[in-house]
Amino acid sequence: SSPLQALEPFTRSFEIYGEGVLSTQLPDLNDQQTHSSFRIYSDNPELKNQFLNGKILSSRKESYTLIPQIDGTLTLPGITIEWWDTKNNKKALTTIPPR
């Protein structure tokens, strides 16, 4: 990781895919975008639905502009996504670790 410069914006994006649900049912990650060392601005999510062989395939892409408030090496917060694992019929978590 390289040091960040205060007030130099960069973009962080996440894309979530689903099968059997509409894109509007995929989780919103906006509440997890908080950090005292950054100002964070969200773009409108890109929602897509496709019907293929009788199945709904969906995606949700979220992009955030982060503006560091101080110089140096900073840690981006981790992200946790809760979802239903239909193959094993139970709740599952996917985590993107802090970086």
PDB file of N, CA and C in Angstrom:
ATOM      1  N   SER A   1       0.836  -1.181   0.000  1.00  0.00           N
ATOM      2  CA  SER A   1       0.000   0.000   0.000  1.00  0.00           C
ATOM      3  C   SER A   1       0.875   1.237   0.000  1.00  0.00           C
ATOM      4  N   SER A   2       0.441   2.238  -0.716  1.00  0.00           N
ATOM      5  CA  SER A   2       1.211   3.468  -0.780  1.00  0.00           C
ATOM      6  C   SER A   2       0.507   4.551   0.025  1.00  0.00           C
ATOM      7  N   PRO A   3       1.269   5.497   0.565  1.00  0.00           N
ATOM      8  CA  PRO A   3       0.665   6.559   1.370  1.00  0.00           C
ATOM      9  C   PRO A   3      -0.329   7.383   0.545  1.00  0.00           C
ATOM     10  N   LEU A   4      -1.360   7.844   1.205  1.00  0.00           N
ATOM     11  CA  LEU A   4      -2.373   8.681   0.569  1.00  0.00           C
ATOM     12  C   LEU A   4      -2.077  10.144   0.861  1.00  0.00           C
ATOM     13  N   GLN A   5      -2.505  10.978  -0.051  1.00  0.00           N
ATOM     14  CA  GLN A   5      -2.349  12.413   0.130  1.00  0.00           C
ATOM     15  C   GLN A   5      -3.692  13.003   0.526  1.00  0.00           C
ATOM     16  N   ALA A   6      -3.683  13.850   1.521  1.00  0.00           N
ATOM     17  CA  ALA A   6      -4.919  14.502   1.963  1.00  0.00           C
ATOM     18  C   ALA A   6      -5.572  15.214   0.784  1.00  0.00           C
ATOM     19  N   LEU A   7      -6.877  15.091   0.707  1.00  0.00           N
ATOM     20  CA  LEU A   7      -7.745  15.749  -0.274  1.00  0.00           C
ATOM     21  C   LEU A   7      -7.595  15.224  -1.700  1.00  0.00           C
ATOM     22  N   GLU A   8      -6.834  14.139  -1.936  1.00  0.00           N
ATOM     23  CA  GLU A   8      -6.754  13.516  -3.259  1.00  0.00           C
ATOM     24  C   GLU A   8      -7.753  12.369  -3.313  1.00  0.00           C
ATOM     25  N   PRO A   9      -8.877  12.554  -4.015  1.00  0.00           N
ATOM     26  CA  PRO A   9      -9.933  11.533  -4.019  1.00  0.00           C
ATOM     27  C   PRO A   9      -9.543  10.279  -4.791  1.00  0.00           C
ATOM     28  N   PHE A  10     -10.151   9.170  -4.390  1.00  0.00           N
ATOM     29  CA  PHE A  10     -10.038   7.922  -5.134  1.00  0.00           C
ATOM     30  C   PHE A  10     -11.373   7.199  -5.016  1.00  0.00           C
ATOM     31  N   THR A  11     -11.573   6.182  -5.863  1.00  0.00           N
ATOM     32  CA  THR A  11     -12.854   5.476  -5.914  1.00  0.00           C
ATOM     33  C   THR A  11     -12.689   4.053  -5.396  1.00  0.00           C
ATOM     34  N   ARG A  12     -13.678   3.626  -4.623  1.00  0.00           N
ATOM     35  CA  ARG A  12     -13.759   2.244  -4.142  1.00  0.00           C
ATOM     36  C   ARG A  12     -15.092   1.695  -4.637  1.00  0.00           C
ATOM     37  N   SER A  13     -15.065   0.528  -5.299  1.00  0.00           N
ATOM     38  CA  SER A  13     -16.285  -0.048  -5.879  1.00  0.00           C
ATOM     39  C   SER A  13     -16.474  -1.489  -5.425  1.00  0.00           C
ATOM     40  N   PHE A  14     -17.742  -1.890  -5.342  1.00  0.00           N
ATOM     41  CA  PHE A  14     -18.122  -3.248  -4.988  1.00  0.00           C
ATOM     42  C   PHE A  14     -19.200  -3.695  -5.962  1.00  0.00           C
ATOM     43  N   GLU A  15     -19.154  -4.952  -6.378  1.00  0.00           N
ATOM     44  CA  GLU A  15     -20.204  -5.498  -7.226  1.00  0.00           C
ATOM     45  C   GLU A  15     -20.675  -6.813  -6.615  1.00  0.00           C
ATOM     46  N   ILE A  16     -21.981  -6.905  -6.414  1.00  0.00           N
ATOM     47  CA  ILE A  16     -22.604  -8.082  -5.815  1.00  0.00           C
ATOM     48  C   ILE A  16     -23.481  -8.729  -6.879  1.00  0.00           C
ATOM     49  N   TYR A  17     -23.401 -10.058  -6.983  1.00  0.00           N
ATOM     50  CA  TYR A  17     -24.201 -10.809  -7.939  1.00  0.00           C
ATOM     51  C   TYR A  17     -25.167 -11.713  -7.184  1.00  0.00           C
ATOM     52  N   GLY A  18     -26.358 -11.897  -7.757  1.00  0.00           N
ATOM     53  CA  GLY A  18     -27.340 -12.783  -7.150  1.00  0.00           C
ATOM     54  C   GLY A  18     -28.038 -13.628  -8.198  1.00  0.00           C
ATOM     55  N   GLU A  19     -28.565 -14.750  -7.754  1.00  0.00           N
ATOM     56  CA  GLU A  19     -29.351 -15.619  -8.614  1.00  0.00           C
ATOM     57  C   GLU A  19     -30.667 -15.887  -7.904  1.00  0.00           C
ATOM     58  N   GLY A  20     -31.762 -15.662  -8.605  1.00  0.00           N
ATOM     59  CA  GLY A  20     -33.081 -15.900  -8.026  1.00  0.00           C
ATOM     60  C   GLY A  20     -33.644 -14.723  -7.256  1.00  0.00           C
ATOM     61  N   VAL A  21     -32.950 -13.579  -7.290  1.00  0.00           N
ATOM     62  CA  VAL A  21     -33.435 -12.363  -6.634  1.00  0.00           C
ATOM     63  C   VAL A  21     -33.263 -11.188  -7.591  1.00  0.00           C
ATOM     64  N   LEU A  22     -34.071 -10.167  -7.387  1.00  0.00           N
ATOM     65  CA  LEU A  22     -33.925  -8.943  -8.167  1.00  0.00           C
ATOM     66  C   LEU A  22     -32.778  -8.116  -7.606  1.00  0.00           C
ATOM     67  N   SER A  23     -32.225  -7.248  -8.426  1.00  0.00           N
ATOM     68  CA  SER A  23     -31.111  -6.405  -7.987  1.00  0.00           C
ATOM     69  C   SER A  23     -31.494  -5.522  -6.800  1.00  0.00           C
ATOM     70  N   THR A  24     -32.764  -5.150  -6.715  1.00  0.00           N
ATOM     71  CA  THR A  24     -33.212  -4.320  -5.591  1.00  0.00           C
ATOM     72  C   THR A  24     -33.218  -5.093  -4.267  1.00  0.00           C
ATOM     73  N   GLN A  25     -33.114  -6.417  -4.327  1.00  0.00           N
ATOM     74  CA  GLN A  25     -33.084  -7.242  -3.123  1.00  0.00           C
ATOM     75  C   GLN A  25     -31.655  -7.528  -2.648  1.00  0.00           C
ATOM     76  N   LEU A  26     -30.666  -7.178  -3.460  1.00  0.00           N
ATOM     77  CA  LEU A  26     -29.279  -7.374  -3.054  1.00  0.00           C
ATOM     78  C   LEU A  26     -28.910  -6.338  -1.988  1.00  0.00           C
ATOM     79  N   PRO A  27     -27.999  -6.681  -1.076  1.00  0.00           N
ATOM     80  CA  PRO A  27     -27.712  -5.780   0.042  1.00  0.00           C
ATOM     81  C   PRO A  27     -27.084  -4.457  -0.375  1.00  0.00           C
ATOM     82  N   ASP A  28     -27.457  -3.431   0.364  1.00  0.00           N
ATOM     83  CA  ASP A  28     -26.933  -2.081   0.220  1.00  0.00           C
ATOM     84  C   ASP A  28     -25.755  -1.964   1.188  1.00  0.00           C
ATOM     85  N   LEU A  29     -24.606  -1.527   0.706  1.00  0.00           N
ATOM     86  CA  LEU A  29     -23.404  -1.439   1.537  1.00  0.00           C
ATOM     87  C   LEU A  29     -23.143  -0.036   2.078  1.00  0.00           C
ATOM     88  N   ASN A  30     -24.035   0.884   1.809  1.00  0.00           N
ATOM     89  CA  ASN A  30     -23.830   2.286   2.170  1.00  0.00           C
ATOM     90  C   ASN A  30     -23.580   2.481   3.662  1.00  0.00           C
ATOM     91  N   ASP A  31     -24.295   1.767   4.529  1.00  0.00           N
ATOM     92  CA  ASP A  31     -24.132   1.937   5.972  1.00  0.00           C
ATOM     93  C   ASP A  31     -22.757   1.498   6.468  1.00  0.00           C
ATOM     94  N   GLN A  32     -22.046   0.695   5.686  1.00  0.00           N
ATOM     95  CA  GLN A  32     -20.724   0.222   6.103  1.00  0.00           C
ATOM     96  C   GLN A  32     -19.600   1.139   5.615  1.00  0.00           C
ATOM     97  N   GLN A  33     -19.962   2.218   4.948  1.00  0.00           N
ATOM     98  CA  GLN A  33     -18.961   3.136   4.397  1.00  0.00           C
ATOM     99  C   GLN A  33     -18.736   4.303   5.349  1.00  0.00           C
ATOM    100  N   THR A  34     -18.122   4.038   6.481  1.00  0.00           N
ATOM    101  CA  THR A  34     -17.820   5.102   7.432  1.00  0.00           C
ATOM    102  C   THR A  34     -16.373   4.968   7.885  1.00  0.00           C
ATOM    103  N   HIS A  35     -15.716   6.086   8.025  1.00  0.00           N
ATOM    104  CA  HIS A  35     -14.345   6.103   8.517  1.00  0.00           C
ATOM    105  C   HIS A  35     -14.009   7.553   8.854  1.00  0.00           C
ATOM    106  N   SER A  36     -13.465   7.770  10.021  1.00  0.00           N
ATOM    107  CA  SER A  36     -13.202   9.140  10.465  1.00  0.00           C
ATOM    108  C   SER A  36     -12.093   9.833   9.666  1.00  0.00           C
ATOM    109  N   SER A  37     -11.240   9.072   8.970  1.00  0.00           N
ATOM    110  CA  SER A  37     -10.132   9.674   8.215  1.00  0.00           C
ATOM    111  C   SER A  37     -10.494  10.012   6.770  1.00  0.00           C
ATOM    112  N   PHE A  38     -11.736   9.716   6.365  1.00  0.00           N
ATOM    113  CA  PHE A  38     -12.175   9.969   4.992  1.00  0.00           C
ATOM    114  C   PHE A  38     -13.515  10.701   4.979  1.00  0.00           C
ATOM    115  N   ARG A  39     -13.702  11.534   3.978  1.00  0.00           N
ATOM    116  CA  ARG A  39     -15.050  11.968   3.607  1.00  0.00           C
ATOM    117  C   ARG A  39     -15.455  11.003   2.514  1.00  0.00           C
ATOM    118  N   ILE A  40     -16.674  10.481   2.620  1.00  0.00           N
ATOM    119  CA  ILE A  40     -17.109   9.442   1.685  1.00  0.00           C
ATOM    120  C   ILE A  40     -18.408   9.870   1.011  1.00  0.00           C
ATOM    121  N   TYR A  41     -18.415   9.814  -0.307  1.00  0.00           N
ATOM    122  CA  TYR A  41     -19.580  10.188  -1.101  1.00  0.00           C
ATOM    123  C   TYR A  41     -19.969   9.001  -1.975  1.00  0.00           C
ATOM    124  N   SER A  42     -21.254   8.670  -1.974  1.00  0.00           N
ATOM    125  CA  SER A  42     -21.708   7.521  -2.763  1.00  0.00           C
ATOM    126  C   SER A  42     -22.330   7.965  -4.076  1.00  0.00           C
ATOM    127  N   ASP A  43     -22.089   7.166  -5.114  1.00  0.00           N
ATOM    128  CA  ASP A  43     -22.776   7.328  -6.394  1.00  0.00           C
ATOM    129  C   ASP A  43     -24.065   6.521  -6.318  1.00  0.00           C
ATOM    130  N   ASN A  44     -24.985   6.768  -7.222  1.00  0.00           N
ATOM    131  CA  ASN A  44     -26.177   5.931  -7.293  1.00  0.00           C
ATOM    132  C   ASN A  44     -25.753   4.526  -7.722  1.00  0.00           C
ATOM    133  N   PRO A  45     -26.309   3.492  -7.077  1.00  0.00           N
ATOM    134  CA  PRO A  45     -25.924   2.132  -7.466  1.00  0.00           C
ATOM    135  C   PRO A  45     -26.411   1.801  -8.875  1.00  0.00           C
ATOM    136  N   GLU A  46     -25.645   0.950  -9.567  1.00  0.00           N
ATOM    137  CA  GLU A  46     -26.036   0.439 -10.881  1.00  0.00           C
ATOM    138  C   GLU A  46     -26.702  -0.913 -10.655  1.00  0.00           C
ATOM    139  N   LEU A  47     -27.988  -0.991 -10.971  1.00  0.00           N
ATOM    140  CA  LEU A  47     -28.761  -2.215 -10.764  1.00  0.00           C
ATOM    141  C   LEU A  47     -29.067  -2.856 -12.109  1.00  0.00           C
ATOM    142  N   LYS A  48     -28.830  -4.169 -12.195  1.00  0.00           N
ATOM    143  CA  LYS A  48     -29.110  -4.885 -13.447  1.00  0.00           C
ATOM    144  C   LYS A  48     -29.825  -6.187 -13.132  1.00  0.00           C
ATOM    145  N   ASN A  49     -30.818  -6.506 -13.971  1.00  0.00           N
ATOM    146  CA  ASN A  49     -31.535  -7.775 -13.895  1.00  0.00           C
ATOM    147  C   ASN A  49     -31.515  -8.409 -15.275  1.00  0.00           C
ATOM    148  N   GLN A  50     -31.311  -9.709 -15.294  1.00  0.00           N
ATOM    149  CA  GLN A  50     -31.317 -10.450 -16.549  1.00  0.00           C
ATOM    150  C   GLN A  50     -32.070 -11.752 -16.308  1.00  0.00           C
ATOM    151  N   PHE A  51     -32.885 -12.138 -17.262  1.00  0.00           N
ATOM    152  CA  PHE A  51     -33.610 -13.400 -17.174  1.00  0.00           C
ATOM    153  C   PHE A  51     -32.993 -14.349 -18.181  1.00  0.00           C
ATOM    154  N   LEU A  52     -32.462 -15.485 -17.692  1.00  0.00           N
ATOM    155  CA  LEU A  52     -31.758 -16.423 -18.546  1.00  0.00           C
ATOM    156  C   LEU A  52     -32.173 -17.841 -18.180  1.00  0.00           C
ATOM    157  N   ASN A  53     -32.723 -18.558 -19.130  1.00  0.00           N
ATOM    158  CA  ASN A  53     -33.171 -19.943 -18.910  1.00  0.00           C
ATOM    159  C   ASN A  53     -34.105 -20.072 -17.714  1.00  0.00           C
ATOM    160  N   GLY A  54     -35.008 -19.112 -17.586  1.00  0.00           N
ATOM    161  CA  GLY A  54     -35.997 -19.156 -16.512  1.00  0.00           C
ATOM    162  C   GLY A  54     -35.483 -18.718 -15.155  1.00  0.00           C
ATOM    163  N   LYS A  55     -34.265 -18.206 -15.077  1.00  0.00           N
ATOM    164  CA  LYS A  55     -33.691 -17.748 -13.808  1.00  0.00           C
ATOM    165  C   LYS A  55     -33.438 -16.248 -13.858  1.00  0.00           C
ATOM    166  N   ILE A  56     -33.567 -15.631 -12.707  1.00  0.00           N
ATOM    167  CA  ILE A  56     -33.215 -14.219 -12.579  1.00  0.00           C
ATOM    168  C   ILE A  56     -31.755 -14.147 -12.158  1.00  0.00           C
ATOM    169  N   LEU A  57     -30.965 -13.414 -12.903  1.00  0.00           N
ATOM    170  CA  LEU A  57     -29.580 -13.128 -12.550  1.00  0.00           C
ATOM    171  C   LEU A  57     -29.490 -11.622 -12.353  1.00  0.00           C
ATOM    172  N   SER A  58     -28.932 -11.203 -11.232  1.00  0.00           N
ATOM    173  CA  SER A  58     -28.930  -9.776 -10.931  1.00  0.00           C
ATOM    174  C   SER A  58     -27.551  -9.323 -10.459  1.00  0.00           C
ATOM    175  N   SER A  59     -27.351  -8.012 -10.506  1.00  0.00           N
ATOM    176  CA  SER A  59     -26.119  -7.436  -9.976  1.00  0.00           C
ATOM    177  C   SER A  59     -26.403  -6.044  -9.431  1.00  0.00           C
ATOM    178  N   ARG A  60     -25.578  -5.659  -8.472  1.00  0.00           N
ATOM    179  CA  ARG A  60     -25.651  -4.337  -7.864  1.00  0.00           C
ATOM    180  C   ARG A  60     -24.218  -3.839  -7.738  1.00  0.00           C
ATOM    181  N   LYS A  61     -23.907  -2.730  -8.405  1.00  0.00           N
ATOM    182  CA  LYS A  61     -22.569  -2.147  -8.328  1.00  0.00           C
ATOM    183  C   LYS A  61     -22.672  -0.831  -7.575  1.00  0.00           C
ATOM    184  N   GLU A  62     -21.881  -0.721  -6.521  1.00  0.00           N
ATOM    185  CA  GLU A  62     -21.836   0.502  -5.725  1.00  0.00           C
ATOM    186  C   GLU A  62     -20.437   1.089  -5.823  1.00  0.00           C
ATOM    187  N   SER A  63     -20.359   2.395  -6.035  1.00  0.00           N
ATOM    188  CA  SER A  63     -19.076   3.097  -6.101  1.00  0.00           C
ATOM    189  C   SER A  63     -19.094   4.246  -5.109  1.00  0.00           C
ATOM    190  N   TYR A  64     -17.952   4.433  -4.470  1.00  0.00           N
ATOM    191  CA  TYR A  64     -17.800   5.472  -3.454  1.00  0.00           C
ATOM    192  C   TYR A  64     -16.544   6.276  -3.742  1.00  0.00           C
ATOM    193  N   THR A  65     -16.649   7.582  -3.629  1.00  0.00           N
ATOM    194  CA  THR A  65     -15.483   8.447  -3.714  1.00  0.00           C
ATOM    195  C   THR A  65     -15.026   8.719  -2.294  1.00  0.00           C
ATOM    196  N   LEU A  66     -13.780   8.394  -2.018  1.00  0.00           N
ATOM    197  CA  LEU A  66     -13.195   8.616  -0.695  1.00  0.00           C
ATOM    198  C   LEU A  66     -12.166   9.726  -0.800  1.00  0.00           C
ATOM    199  N   ILE A  67     -12.238  10.674   0.117  1.00  0.00           N
ATOM    200  CA  ILE A  67     -11.292  11.775   0.146  1.00  0.00           C
ATOM    201  C   ILE A  67     -10.578  11.739   1.488  1.00  0.00           C
ATOM    202  N   PRO A  68      -9.286  11.353   1.481  1.00  0.00           N
ATOM    203  CA  PRO A  68      -8.535  11.304   2.736  1.00  0.00           C
ATOM    204  C   PRO A  68      -8.454  12.699   3.365  1.00  0.00           C
ATOM    205  N   GLN A  69      -8.594  12.743   4.670  1.00  0.00           N
ATOM    206  CA  GLN A  69      -8.530  14.015   5.379  1.00  0.00           C
ATOM    207  C   GLN A  69      -7.144  14.275   5.955  1.00  0.00           C
ATOM    208  N   ILE A  70      -6.286  13.244   5.917  1.00  0.00           N
ATOM    209  CA  ILE A  70      -4.912  13.380   6.397  1.00  0.00           C
ATOM    210  C   ILE A  70      -3.987  12.628   5.443  1.00  0.00           C
ATOM    211  N   ASP A  71      -2.714  12.998   5.438  1.00  0.00           N
ATOM    212  CA  ASP A  71      -1.704  12.285   4.653  1.00  0.00           C
ATOM    213  C   ASP A  71      -1.312  11.008   5.374  1.00  0.00           C
ATOM    214  N   GLY A  72      -0.803  10.045   4.616  1.00  0.00           N
ATOM    215  CA  GLY A  72      -0.220   8.868   5.236  1.00  0.00           C
ATOM    216  C   GLY A  72      -0.871   7.577   4.802  1.00  0.00           C
ATOM    217  N   THR A  73      -0.523   6.507   5.517  1.00  0.00           N
ATOM    218  CA  THR A  73      -1.066   5.187   5.261  1.00  0.00           C
ATOM    219  C   THR A  73      -2.319   5.011   6.111  1.00  0.00           C
ATOM    220  N   LEU A  74      -3.448   4.792   5.476  1.00  0.00           N
ATOM    221  CA  LEU A  74      -4.728   4.646   6.166  1.00  0.00           C
ATOM    222  C   LEU A  74      -5.302   3.268   5.866  1.00  0.00           C
ATOM    223  N   THR A  75      -6.157   2.788   6.740  1.00  0.00           N
ATOM    224  CA  THR A  75      -6.791   1.483   6.549  1.00  0.00           C
ATOM    225  C   THR A  75      -8.242   1.673   6.135  1.00  0.00           C
ATOM    226  N   LEU A  76      -8.591   1.066   4.997  1.00  0.00           N
ATOM    227  CA  LEU A  76      -9.989   1.081   4.562  1.00  0.00           C
ATOM    228  C   LEU A  76     -10.766   0.073   5.406  1.00  0.00           C
ATOM    229  N   PRO A  77     -11.980   0.416   5.823  1.00  0.00           N
ATOM    230  CA  PRO A  77     -12.745  -0.508   6.658  1.00  0.00           C
ATOM    231  C   PRO A  77     -13.142  -1.770   5.893  1.00  0.00           C
ATOM    232  N   GLY A  78     -13.279  -2.868   6.626  1.00  0.00           N
ATOM    233  CA  GLY A  78     -13.764  -4.107   6.045  1.00  0.00           C
ATOM    234  C   GLY A  78     -15.253  -4.018   5.751  1.00  0.00           C
ATOM    235  N   ILE A  79     -15.727  -4.929   4.936  1.00  0.00           N
ATOM    236  CA  ILE A  79     -17.140  -4.985   4.553  1.00  0.00           C
ATOM    237  C   ILE A  79     -17.637  -6.402   4.821  1.00  0.00           C
ATOM    238  N   THR A  80     -18.828  -6.513   5.407  1.00  0.00           N
ATOM    239  CA  THR A  80     -19.432  -7.820   5.636  1.00  0.00           C
ATOM    240  C   THR A  80     -20.781  -7.867   4.929  1.00  0.00           C
ATOM    241  N   ILE A  81     -20.996  -8.940   4.167  1.00  0.00           N
ATOM    242  CA  ILE A  81     -22.252  -9.127   3.439  1.00  0.00           C
ATOM    243  C   ILE A  81     -22.913 -10.397   3.964  1.00  0.00           C
ATOM    244  N   GLU A  82     -24.140 -10.234   4.435  1.00  0.00           N
ATOM    245  CA  GLU A  82     -24.932 -11.377   4.908  1.00  0.00           C
ATOM    246  C   GLU A  82     -25.837 -11.819   3.770  1.00  0.00           C
ATOM    247  N   TRP A  83     -25.907 -13.131   3.526  1.00  0.00           N
ATOM    248  CA  TRP A  83     -26.724 -13.643   2.421  1.00  0.00           C
ATOM    249  C   TRP A  83     -27.222 -15.042   2.766  1.00  0.00           C
ATOM    250  N   TRP A  84     -28.198 -15.490   1.986  1.00  0.00           N
ATOM    251  CA  TRP A  84     -28.780 -16.808   2.213  1.00  0.00           C
ATOM    252  C   TRP A  84     -28.178 -17.794   1.223  1.00  0.00           C
ATOM    253  N   ASP A  85     -27.513 -18.819   1.733  1.00  0.00           N
ATOM    254  CA  ASP A  85     -26.897 -19.869   0.930  1.00  0.00           C
ATOM    255  C   ASP A  85     -27.975 -20.910   0.614  1.00  0.00           C
ATOM    256  N   THR A  86     -28.500 -20.873  -0.610  1.00  0.00           N
ATOM    257  CA  THR A  86     -29.598 -21.775  -0.979  1.00  0.00           C
ATOM    258  C   THR A  86     -29.132 -23.216  -1.142  1.00  0.00           C
ATOM    259  N   LYS A  87     -27.872 -23.435  -1.464  1.00  0.00           N
ATOM    260  CA  LYS A  87     -27.363 -24.805  -1.613  1.00  0.00           C
ATOM    261  C   LYS A  87     -27.302 -25.524  -0.269  1.00  0.00           C
ATOM    262  N   ASN A  88     -26.929 -24.784   0.794  1.00  0.00           N
ATOM    263  CA  ASN A  88     -26.817 -25.385   2.124  1.00  0.00           C
ATOM    264  C   ASN A  88     -27.978 -24.989   3.049  1.00  0.00           C
ATOM    265  N   ASN A  89     -28.905 -24.170   2.523  1.00  0.00           N
ATOM    266  CA  ASN A  89     -30.098 -23.740   3.243  1.00  0.00           C
ATOM    267  C   ASN A  89     -29.767 -23.126   4.609  1.00  0.00           C
ATOM    268  N   LYS A  90     -28.837 -22.140   4.581  1.00  0.00           N
ATOM    269  CA  LYS A  90     -28.497 -21.443   5.823  1.00  0.00           C
ATOM    270  C   LYS A  90     -27.924 -20.062   5.526  1.00  0.00           C
ATOM    271  N   LYS A  91     -27.925 -19.220   6.561  1.00  0.00           N
ATOM    272  CA  LYS A  91     -27.361 -17.883   6.447  1.00  0.00           C
ATOM    273  C   LYS A  91     -25.846 -17.988   6.323  1.00  0.00           C
ATOM    274  N   ALA A  92     -25.259 -17.130   5.490  1.00  0.00           N
ATOM    275  CA  ALA A  92     -23.813 -17.125   5.295  1.00  0.00           C
ATOM    276  C   ALA A  92     -23.299 -15.681   5.334  1.00  0.00           C
ATOM    277  N   LEU A  93     -22.025 -15.531   5.610  1.00  0.00           N
ATOM    278  CA  LEU A  93     -21.383 -14.220   5.617  1.00  0.00           C
ATOM    279  C   LEU A  93     -20.193 -14.250   4.677  1.00  0.00           C
ATOM    280  N   THR A  94     -20.020 -13.167   3.955  1.00  0.00           N
ATOM    281  CA  THR A  94     -18.841 -12.958   3.152  1.00  0.00           C
ATOM    282  C   THR A  94     -18.193 -11.693   3.665  1.00  0.00           C
ATOM    283  N   THR A  95     -16.889 -11.733   3.894  1.00  0.00           N
ATOM    284  CA  THR A  95     -16.197 -10.572   4.462  1.00  0.00           C
ATOM    285  C   THR A  95     -15.050 -10.147   3.562  1.00  0.00           C
ATOM    286  N   ILE A  96     -14.983  -8.868   3.322  1.00  0.00           N
ATOM    287  CA  ILE A  96     -13.824  -8.260   2.674  1.00  0.00           C
ATOM    288  C   ILE A  96     -13.038  -7.636   3.819  1.00  0.00           C
ATOM    289  N   PRO A  97     -11.825  -8.105   4.075  1.00  0.00           N
ATOM    290  CA  PRO A  97     -11.080  -7.613   5.237  1.00  0.00           C
ATOM    291  C   PRO A  97     -10.641  -6.163   5.071  1.00  0.00           C
ATOM    292  N   PRO A  98     -10.328  -5.496   6.187  1.00  0.00           N
ATOM    293  CA  PRO A  98      -9.771  -4.144   6.095  1.00  0.00           C
ATOM    294  C   PRO A  98      -8.513  -4.179   5.233  1.00  0.00           C
ATOM    295  N   ARG A  99      -8.254  -3.068   4.589  1.00  0.00           N
ATOM    296  CA  ARG A  99      -7.112  -3.024   3.668  1.00  0.00           C
ATOM    297  C   ARG A  99      -6.417  -1.681   3.749  1.00  0.00           C
TER     298      ARG A  99
END
